[in-house]
C-alpha cells in the first residue's frame, strides 16, 4: 500500500515532539513493505532552527529524499 505524508518535519524534532512518533510510524510502515513518501517544507521552522543551532550534521542520514 502507498502512504503519502505531509508533515511539518520528520528530520527535526526542534520544538516538534511529533517527529519522534512520525519516525517510528514511518519506520514500521517501511519495515512492513509499504511504499512510503514523506514531504516536509525545505525551510520549515523546526528544520531551520536545528540547522542554525547545530549544523547539518545533526540531520543524520536515516531519512533521505526530497523536500518541497
PDB file of N, CA and C in Angstrom:
ATOM      1  N   UNK A   1       0.845  -1.162   0.000  1.00  0.00           N
ATOM      2  CA  UNK A   1       0.000   0.000   0.000  1.00  0.00           C
ATOM      3  C   UNK A   1       0.900   1.236   0.000  1.00  0.00           C
ATOM      4  N   UNK A   2       0.477   2.273  -0.695  1.00  0.00           N
ATOM      5  CA  UNK A   2       1.243   3.516  -0.746  1.00  0.00           C
ATOM      6  C   UNK A   2       0.704   4.504   0.289  1.00  0.00           C
ATOM      7  N   UNK A   3       1.620   5.086   1.055  1.00  0.00           N
ATOM      8  CA  UNK A   3       1.295   6.137   2.021  1.00  0.00           C
ATOM      9  C   UNK A   3       2.029   7.405   1.629  1.00  0.00           C
ATOM     10  N   UNK A   4       1.335   8.518   1.647  1.00  0.00           N
ATOM     11  CA  UNK A   4       1.936   9.829   1.402  1.00  0.00           C
ATOM     12  C   UNK A   4       1.622  10.692   2.614  1.00  0.00           C
ATOM     13  N   UNK A   5       2.672  11.222   3.233  1.00  0.00           N
ATOM     14  CA  UNK A   5       2.511  12.011   4.460  1.00  0.00           C
ATOM     15  C   UNK A   5       3.125  13.394   4.239  1.00  0.00           C
ATOM     16  N   UNK A   6       2.357  14.419   4.541  1.00  0.00           N
ATOM     17  CA  UNK A   6       2.836  15.794   4.527  1.00  0.00           C
ATOM     18  C   UNK A   6       2.951  16.232   5.982  1.00  0.00           C
ATOM     19  N   UNK A   7       4.137  16.652   6.388  1.00  0.00           N
ATOM     20  CA  UNK A   7       4.369  16.961   7.789  1.00  0.00           C
ATOM     21  C   UNK A   7       5.235  18.205   7.967  1.00  0.00           C
ATOM     22  N   UNK A   8       5.128  18.793   9.127  1.00  0.00           N
ATOM     23  CA  UNK A   8       5.950  19.958   9.473  1.00  0.00           C
ATOM     24  C   UNK A   8       7.428  19.592   9.406  1.00  0.00           C
ATOM     25  N   UNK A   9       7.800  18.469   9.988  1.00  0.00           N
ATOM     26  CA  UNK A   9       9.179  17.997   9.913  1.00  0.00           C
ATOM     27  C   UNK A   9       9.254  16.557  10.377  1.00  0.00           C
ATOM     28  N   UNK A  10      10.063  15.785   9.684  1.00  0.00           N
ATOM     29  CA  UNK A  10      10.377  14.431  10.097  1.00  0.00           C
ATOM     30  C   UNK A  10      11.812  14.377  10.599  1.00  0.00           C
ATOM     31  N   UNK A  11      12.668  15.154   9.974  1.00  0.00           N
ATOM     32  CA  UNK A  11      14.094  15.102  10.312  1.00  0.00           C
ATOM     33  C   UNK A  11      14.456  15.888  11.562  1.00  0.00           C
ATOM     34  N   UNK A  12      13.631  16.858  11.940  1.00  0.00           N
ATOM     35  CA  UNK A  12      13.956  17.678  13.104  1.00  0.00           C
ATOM     36  C   UNK A  12      12.848  17.605  14.150  1.00  0.00           C
ATOM     37  N   UNK A  13      13.261  17.410  15.398  1.00  0.00           N
ATOM     38  CA  UNK A  13      12.278  17.448  16.494  1.00  0.00           C
ATOM     39  C   UNK A  13      12.452  18.719  17.314  1.00  0.00           C
ATOM     40  N   UNK A  14      13.097  19.732  16.746  1.00  0.00           N
ATOM     41  CA  UNK A  14      13.286  21.006  17.422  1.00  0.00           C
ATOM     42  C   UNK A  14      11.916  21.601  17.712  1.00  0.00           C
ATOM     43  N   UNK A  15      11.488  21.556  18.969  1.00  0.00           N
ATOM     44  CA  UNK A  15      10.167  22.022  19.396  1.00  0.00           C
ATOM     45  C   UNK A  15       9.046  21.351  18.600  1.00  0.00           C
ATOM     46  N   UNK A  16       9.260  20.083  18.275  1.00  0.00           N
ATOM     47  CA  UNK A  16       8.289  19.334  17.462  1.00  0.00           C
ATOM     48  C   UNK A  16       8.331  17.867  17.895  1.00  0.00           C
ATOM     49  N   UNK A  17       7.709  17.580  19.027  1.00  0.00           N
ATOM     50  CA  UNK A  17       7.737  16.229  19.594  1.00  0.00           C
ATOM     51  C   UNK A  17       7.106  15.174  18.725  1.00  0.00           C
ATOM     52  N   UNK A  18       6.210  15.561  17.823  1.00  0.00           N
ATOM     53  CA  UNK A  18       5.568  14.579  16.955  1.00  0.00           C
ATOM     54  C   UNK A  18       6.551  13.928  15.993  1.00  0.00           C
ATOM     55  N   UNK A  19       7.701  14.535  15.782  1.00  0.00           N
ATOM     56  CA  UNK A  19       8.697  13.961  14.876  1.00  0.00           C
ATOM     57  C   UNK A  19       9.101  12.556  15.350  1.00  0.00           C
ATOM     58  N   UNK A  20       9.202  12.346  16.650  1.00  0.00           N
ATOM     59  CA  UNK A  20       9.556  11.021  17.181  1.00  0.00           C
ATOM     60  C   UNK A  20       8.501   9.995  16.789  1.00  0.00           C
ATOM     61  N   UNK A  21       7.233  10.347  16.972  1.00  0.00           N
ATOM     62  CA  UNK A  21       6.145   9.454  16.589  1.00  0.00           C
ATOM     63  C   UNK A  21       6.176   9.187  15.084  1.00  0.00           C
ATOM     64  N   UNK A  22       6.334  10.241  14.291  1.00  0.00           N
ATOM     65  CA  UNK A  22       6.322  10.087  12.836  1.00  0.00           C
ATOM     66  C   UNK A  22       7.468   9.212  12.343  1.00  0.00           C
ATOM     67  N   UNK A  23       8.641   9.340  12.945  1.00  0.00           N
ATOM     68  CA  UNK A  23       9.769   8.482  12.562  1.00  0.00           C
ATOM     69  C   UNK A  23       9.466   7.020  12.843  1.00  0.00           C
ATOM     70  N   UNK A  24       8.909   6.754  14.012  1.00  0.00           N
ATOM     71  CA  UNK A  24       8.555   5.381  14.354  1.00  0.00           C
ATOM     72  C   UNK A  24       7.482   4.832  13.443  1.00  0.00           C
ATOM     73  N   UNK A  25       6.471   5.653  13.157  1.00  0.00           N
ATOM     74  CA  UNK A  25       5.387   5.263  12.265  1.00  0.00           C
ATOM     75  C   UNK A  25       5.929   4.956  10.865  1.00  0.00           C
ATOM     76  N   UNK A  26       6.788   5.836  10.361  1.00  0.00           N
ATOM     77  CA  UNK A  26       7.373   5.649   9.032  1.00  0.00           C
ATOM     78  C   UNK A  26       8.249   4.396   8.990  1.00  0.00           C
ATOM     79  N   UNK A  27       9.039   4.193  10.021  1.00  0.00           N
ATOM     80  CA  UNK A  27       9.911   3.022  10.077  1.00  0.00           C
ATOM     81  C   UNK A  27       9.102   1.734  10.054  1.00  0.00           C
ATOM     82  N   UNK A  28       8.031   1.680  10.831  1.00  0.00           N
ATOM     83  CA  UNK A  28       7.190   0.487  10.866  1.00  0.00           C
ATOM     84  C   UNK A  28       6.511   0.222   9.523  1.00  0.00           C
ATOM     85  N   UNK A  29       6.008   1.272   8.893  1.00  0.00           N
ATOM     86  CA  UNK A  29       5.369   1.093   7.584  1.00  0.00           C
ATOM     87  C   UNK A  29       6.379   0.573   6.561  1.00  0.00           C
ATOM     88  N   UNK A  30       7.558   1.163   6.535  1.00  0.00           N
ATOM     89  CA  UNK A  30       8.587   0.736   5.586  1.00  0.00           C
ATOM     90  C   UNK A  30       9.046  -0.692   5.872  1.00  0.00           C
ATOM     91  N   UNK A  31       9.202  -1.019   7.149  1.00  0.00           N
ATOM     92  CA  UNK A  31       9.622  -2.368   7.537  1.00  0.00           C
ATOM     93  C   UNK A  31       8.613  -3.417   7.072  1.00  0.00           C
ATOM     94  N   UNK A  32       7.351  -3.032   7.046  1.00  0.00           N
ATOM     95  CA  UNK A  32       6.296  -3.964   6.628  1.00  0.00           C
ATOM     96  C   UNK A  32       6.087  -3.969   5.115  1.00  0.00           C
ATOM     97  N   UNK A  33       6.974  -3.285   4.397  1.00  0.00           N
ATOM     98  CA  UNK A  33       6.954  -3.360   2.944  1.00  0.00           C
ATOM     99  C   UNK A  33       6.071  -2.355   2.225  1.00  0.00           C
ATOM    100  N   UNK A  34       5.552  -1.369   2.930  1.00  0.00           N
ATOM    101  CA  UNK A  34       4.702  -0.365   2.290  1.00  0.00           C
ATOM    102  C   UNK A  34       5.547   0.663   1.542  1.00  0.00           C
ATOM    103  N   UNK A  35       4.963   1.223   0.494  1.00  0.00           N
ATOM    104  CA  UNK A  35       5.595   2.303  -0.265  1.00  0.00           C
ATOM    105  C   UNK A  35       5.281   3.602   0.461  1.00  0.00           C
ATOM    106  N   UNK A  36       6.304   4.320   0.861  1.00  0.00           N
ATOM    107  CA  UNK A  36       6.121   5.471   1.742  1.00  0.00           C
ATOM    108  C   UNK A  36       6.798   6.697   1.159  1.00  0.00           C
ATOM    109  N   UNK A  37       6.063   7.805   1.070  1.00  0.00           N
ATOM    110  CA  UNK A  37       6.603   9.093   0.646  1.00  0.00           C
ATOM    111  C   UNK A  37       6.252  10.112   1.720  1.00  0.00           C
ATOM    112  N   UNK A  38       7.274  10.821   2.203  1.00  0.00           N
ATOM    113  CA  UNK A  38       7.045  11.831   3.241  1.00  0.00           C
ATOM    114  C   UNK A  38       7.611  13.156   2.730  1.00  0.00           C
ATOM    115  N   UNK A  39       6.803  14.197   2.842  1.00  0.00           N
ATOM    116  CA  UNK A  39       7.200  15.518   2.373  1.00  0.00           C
ATOM    117  C   UNK A  39       7.173  16.498   3.532  1.00  0.00           C
ATOM    118  N   UNK A  40       8.178  17.354   3.549  1.00  0.00           N
ATOM    119  CA  UNK A  40       8.217  18.415   4.547  1.00  0.00           C
ATOM    120  C   UNK A  40       8.771  19.671   3.885  1.00  0.00           C
ATOM    121  N   UNK A  41       8.432  20.839   4.401  1.00  0.00           N
ATOM    122  CA  UNK A  41       8.944  22.069   3.802  1.00  0.00           C
ATOM    123  C   UNK A  41      10.463  22.147   3.894  1.00  0.00           C
ATOM    124  N   UNK A  42      11.080  22.646   2.863  1.00  0.00           N
ATOM    125  CA  UNK A  42      12.536  22.783   2.836  1.00  0.00           C
ATOM    126  C   UNK A  42      13.022  23.759   3.901  1.00  0.00           C
ATOM    127  N   UNK A  43      12.228  24.772   4.192  1.00  0.00           N
ATOM    128  CA  UNK A  43      12.635  25.798   5.146  1.00  0.00           C
ATOM    129  C   UNK A  43      11.662  25.876   6.326  1.00  0.00           C
ATOM    130  N   UNK A  44      11.211  24.740   6.809  1.00  0.00           N
ATOM    131  CA  UNK A  44      10.310  24.727   7.962  1.00  0.00           C
ATOM    132  C   UNK A  44      11.002  25.224   9.223  1.00  0.00           C
ATOM    133  N   UNK A  45      10.228  25.765  10.124  1.00  0.00           N
ATOM    134  CA  UNK A  45      10.750  26.361  11.347  1.00  0.00           C
ATOM    135  C   UNK A  45      11.630  25.393  12.136  1.00  0.00           C
ATOM    136  N   UNK A  46      11.155  24.198  12.344  1.00  0.00           N
ATOM    137  CA  UNK A  46      11.880  23.226  13.146  1.00  0.00           C
ATOM    138  C   UNK A  46      13.218  22.857  12.490  1.00  0.00           C
ATOM    139  N   UNK A  47      13.176  22.565  11.227  1.00  0.00           N
ATOM    140  CA  UNK A  47      14.396  22.215  10.491  1.00  0.00           C
ATOM    141  C   UNK A  47      15.379  23.390  10.451  1.00  0.00           C
ATOM    142  N   UNK A  48      14.873  24.583  10.190  1.00  0.00           N
ATOM    143  CA  UNK A  48      15.707  25.775  10.099  1.00  0.00           C
ATOM    144  C   UNK A  48      16.445  26.027  11.421  1.00  0.00           C
ATOM    145  N   UNK A  49      15.748  25.897  12.538  1.00  0.00           N
ATOM    146  CA  UNK A  49      16.384  26.117  13.839  1.00  0.00           C
ATOM    147  C   UNK A  49      17.396  25.033  14.178  1.00  0.00           C
ATOM    148  N   UNK A  50      17.104  23.811  13.838  1.00  0.00           N
ATOM    149  CA  UNK A  50      18.068  22.736  14.067  1.00  0.00           C
ATOM    150  C   UNK A  50      19.359  23.025  13.300  1.00  0.00           C
ATOM    151  N   UNK A  51      19.236  23.405  12.039  1.00  0.00           N
ATOM    152  CA  UNK A  51      20.414  23.710  11.232  1.00  0.00           C
ATOM    153  C   UNK A  51      21.165  24.928  11.760  1.00  0.00           C
ATOM    154  N   UNK A  52      20.433  25.944  12.189  1.00  0.00           N
ATOM    155  CA  UNK A  52      21.053  27.168  12.696  1.00  0.00           C
ATOM    156  C   UNK A  52      21.874  26.905  13.952  1.00  0.00           C
ATOM    157  N   UNK A  53      21.322  26.133  14.868  1.00  0.00           N
ATOM    158  CA  UNK A  53      21.978  25.943  16.158  1.00  0.00           C
ATOM    159  C   UNK A  53      22.914  24.740  16.230  1.00  0.00           C
ATOM    160  N   UNK A  54      22.714  23.751  15.356  1.00  0.00           N
ATOM    161  CA  UNK A  54      23.521  22.539  15.474  1.00  0.00           C
ATOM    162  C   UNK A  54      24.188  22.098  14.181  1.00  0.00           C
ATOM    163  N   UNK A  55      23.863  22.715  13.068  1.00  0.00           N
ATOM    164  CA  UNK A  55      24.506  22.378  11.804  1.00  0.00           C
ATOM    165  C   UNK A  55      23.885  21.173  11.123  1.00  0.00           C
ATOM    166  N   UNK A  56      24.291  20.995   9.896  1.00  0.00           N
ATOM    167  CA  UNK A  56      23.692  19.954   9.053  1.00  0.00           C
ATOM    168  C   UNK A  56      24.011  18.538   9.524  1.00  0.00           C
ATOM    169  N   UNK A  57      25.128  18.354  10.191  1.00  0.00           N
ATOM    170  CA  UNK A  57      25.491  17.008  10.645  1.00  0.00           C
ATOM    171  C   UNK A  57      24.443  16.427  11.604  1.00  0.00           C
ATOM    172  N   UNK A  58      23.655  17.278  12.273  1.00  0.00           N
ATOM    173  CA  UNK A  58      22.634  16.800  13.208  1.00  0.00           C
ATOM    174  C   UNK A  58      21.418  16.206  12.505  1.00  0.00           C
ATOM    175  N   UNK A  59      21.300  16.435  11.209  1.00  0.00           N
ATOM    176  CA  UNK A  59      20.175  15.851  10.478  1.00  0.00           C
ATOM    177  C   UNK A  59      20.337  14.348  10.339  1.00  0.00           C
ATOM    178  N   UNK A  60      21.551  13.869  10.408  1.00  0.00           N
ATOM    179  CA  UNK A  60      21.772  12.440  10.279  1.00  0.00           C
ATOM    180  C   UNK A  60      21.516  11.981   8.852  1.00  0.00           C
ATOM    181  N   UNK A  61      21.498  10.689   8.670  1.00  0.00           N
ATOM    182  CA  UNK A  61      21.250  10.148   7.336  1.00  0.00           C
ATOM    183  C   UNK A  61      20.214   9.027   7.370  1.00  0.00           C
ATOM    184  N   UNK A  62      19.355   9.021   8.371  1.00  0.00           N
ATOM    185  CA  UNK A  62      18.358   7.970   8.478  1.00  0.00           C
ATOM    186  C   UNK A  62      17.270   8.113   7.414  1.00  0.00           C
ATOM    187  N   UNK A  63      16.971   9.341   7.035  1.00  0.00           N
ATOM    188  CA  UNK A  63      15.892   9.588   6.097  1.00  0.00           C
ATOM    189  C   UNK A  63      16.419  10.357   4.914  1.00  0.00           C
ATOM    190  N   UNK A  64      16.096   9.894   3.730  1.00  0.00           N
ATOM    191  CA  UNK A  64      16.571  10.523   2.504  1.00  0.00           C
ATOM    192  C   UNK A  64      15.369  10.864   1.629  1.00  0.00           C
ATOM    193  N   UNK A  65      15.568  11.771   0.723  1.00  0.00           N
ATOM    194  CA  UNK A  65      14.521  12.064  -0.234  1.00  0.00           C
ATOM    195  C   UNK A  65      14.387  13.541  -0.486  1.00  0.00           C
ATOM    196  N   UNK A  66      13.294  13.891  -1.083  1.00  0.00           N
ATOM    197  CA  UNK A  66      13.058  15.266  -1.483  1.00  0.00           C
ATOM    198  C   UNK A  66      12.218  15.978  -0.458  1.00  0.00           C
ATOM    199  N   UNK A  67      12.439  17.252  -0.378  1.00  0.00           N
ATOM    200  CA  UNK A  67      11.579  18.124   0.433  1.00  0.00           C
ATOM    201  C   UNK A  67      11.070  19.220  -0.475  1.00  0.00           C
ATOM    202  N   UNK A  68       9.883  19.723  -0.189  1.00  0.00           N
ATOM    203  CA  UNK A  68       9.334  20.764  -1.057  1.00  0.00           C
ATOM    204  C   UNK A  68       9.512  22.112  -0.435  1.00  0.00           C
TER     205      UNK A  68
END
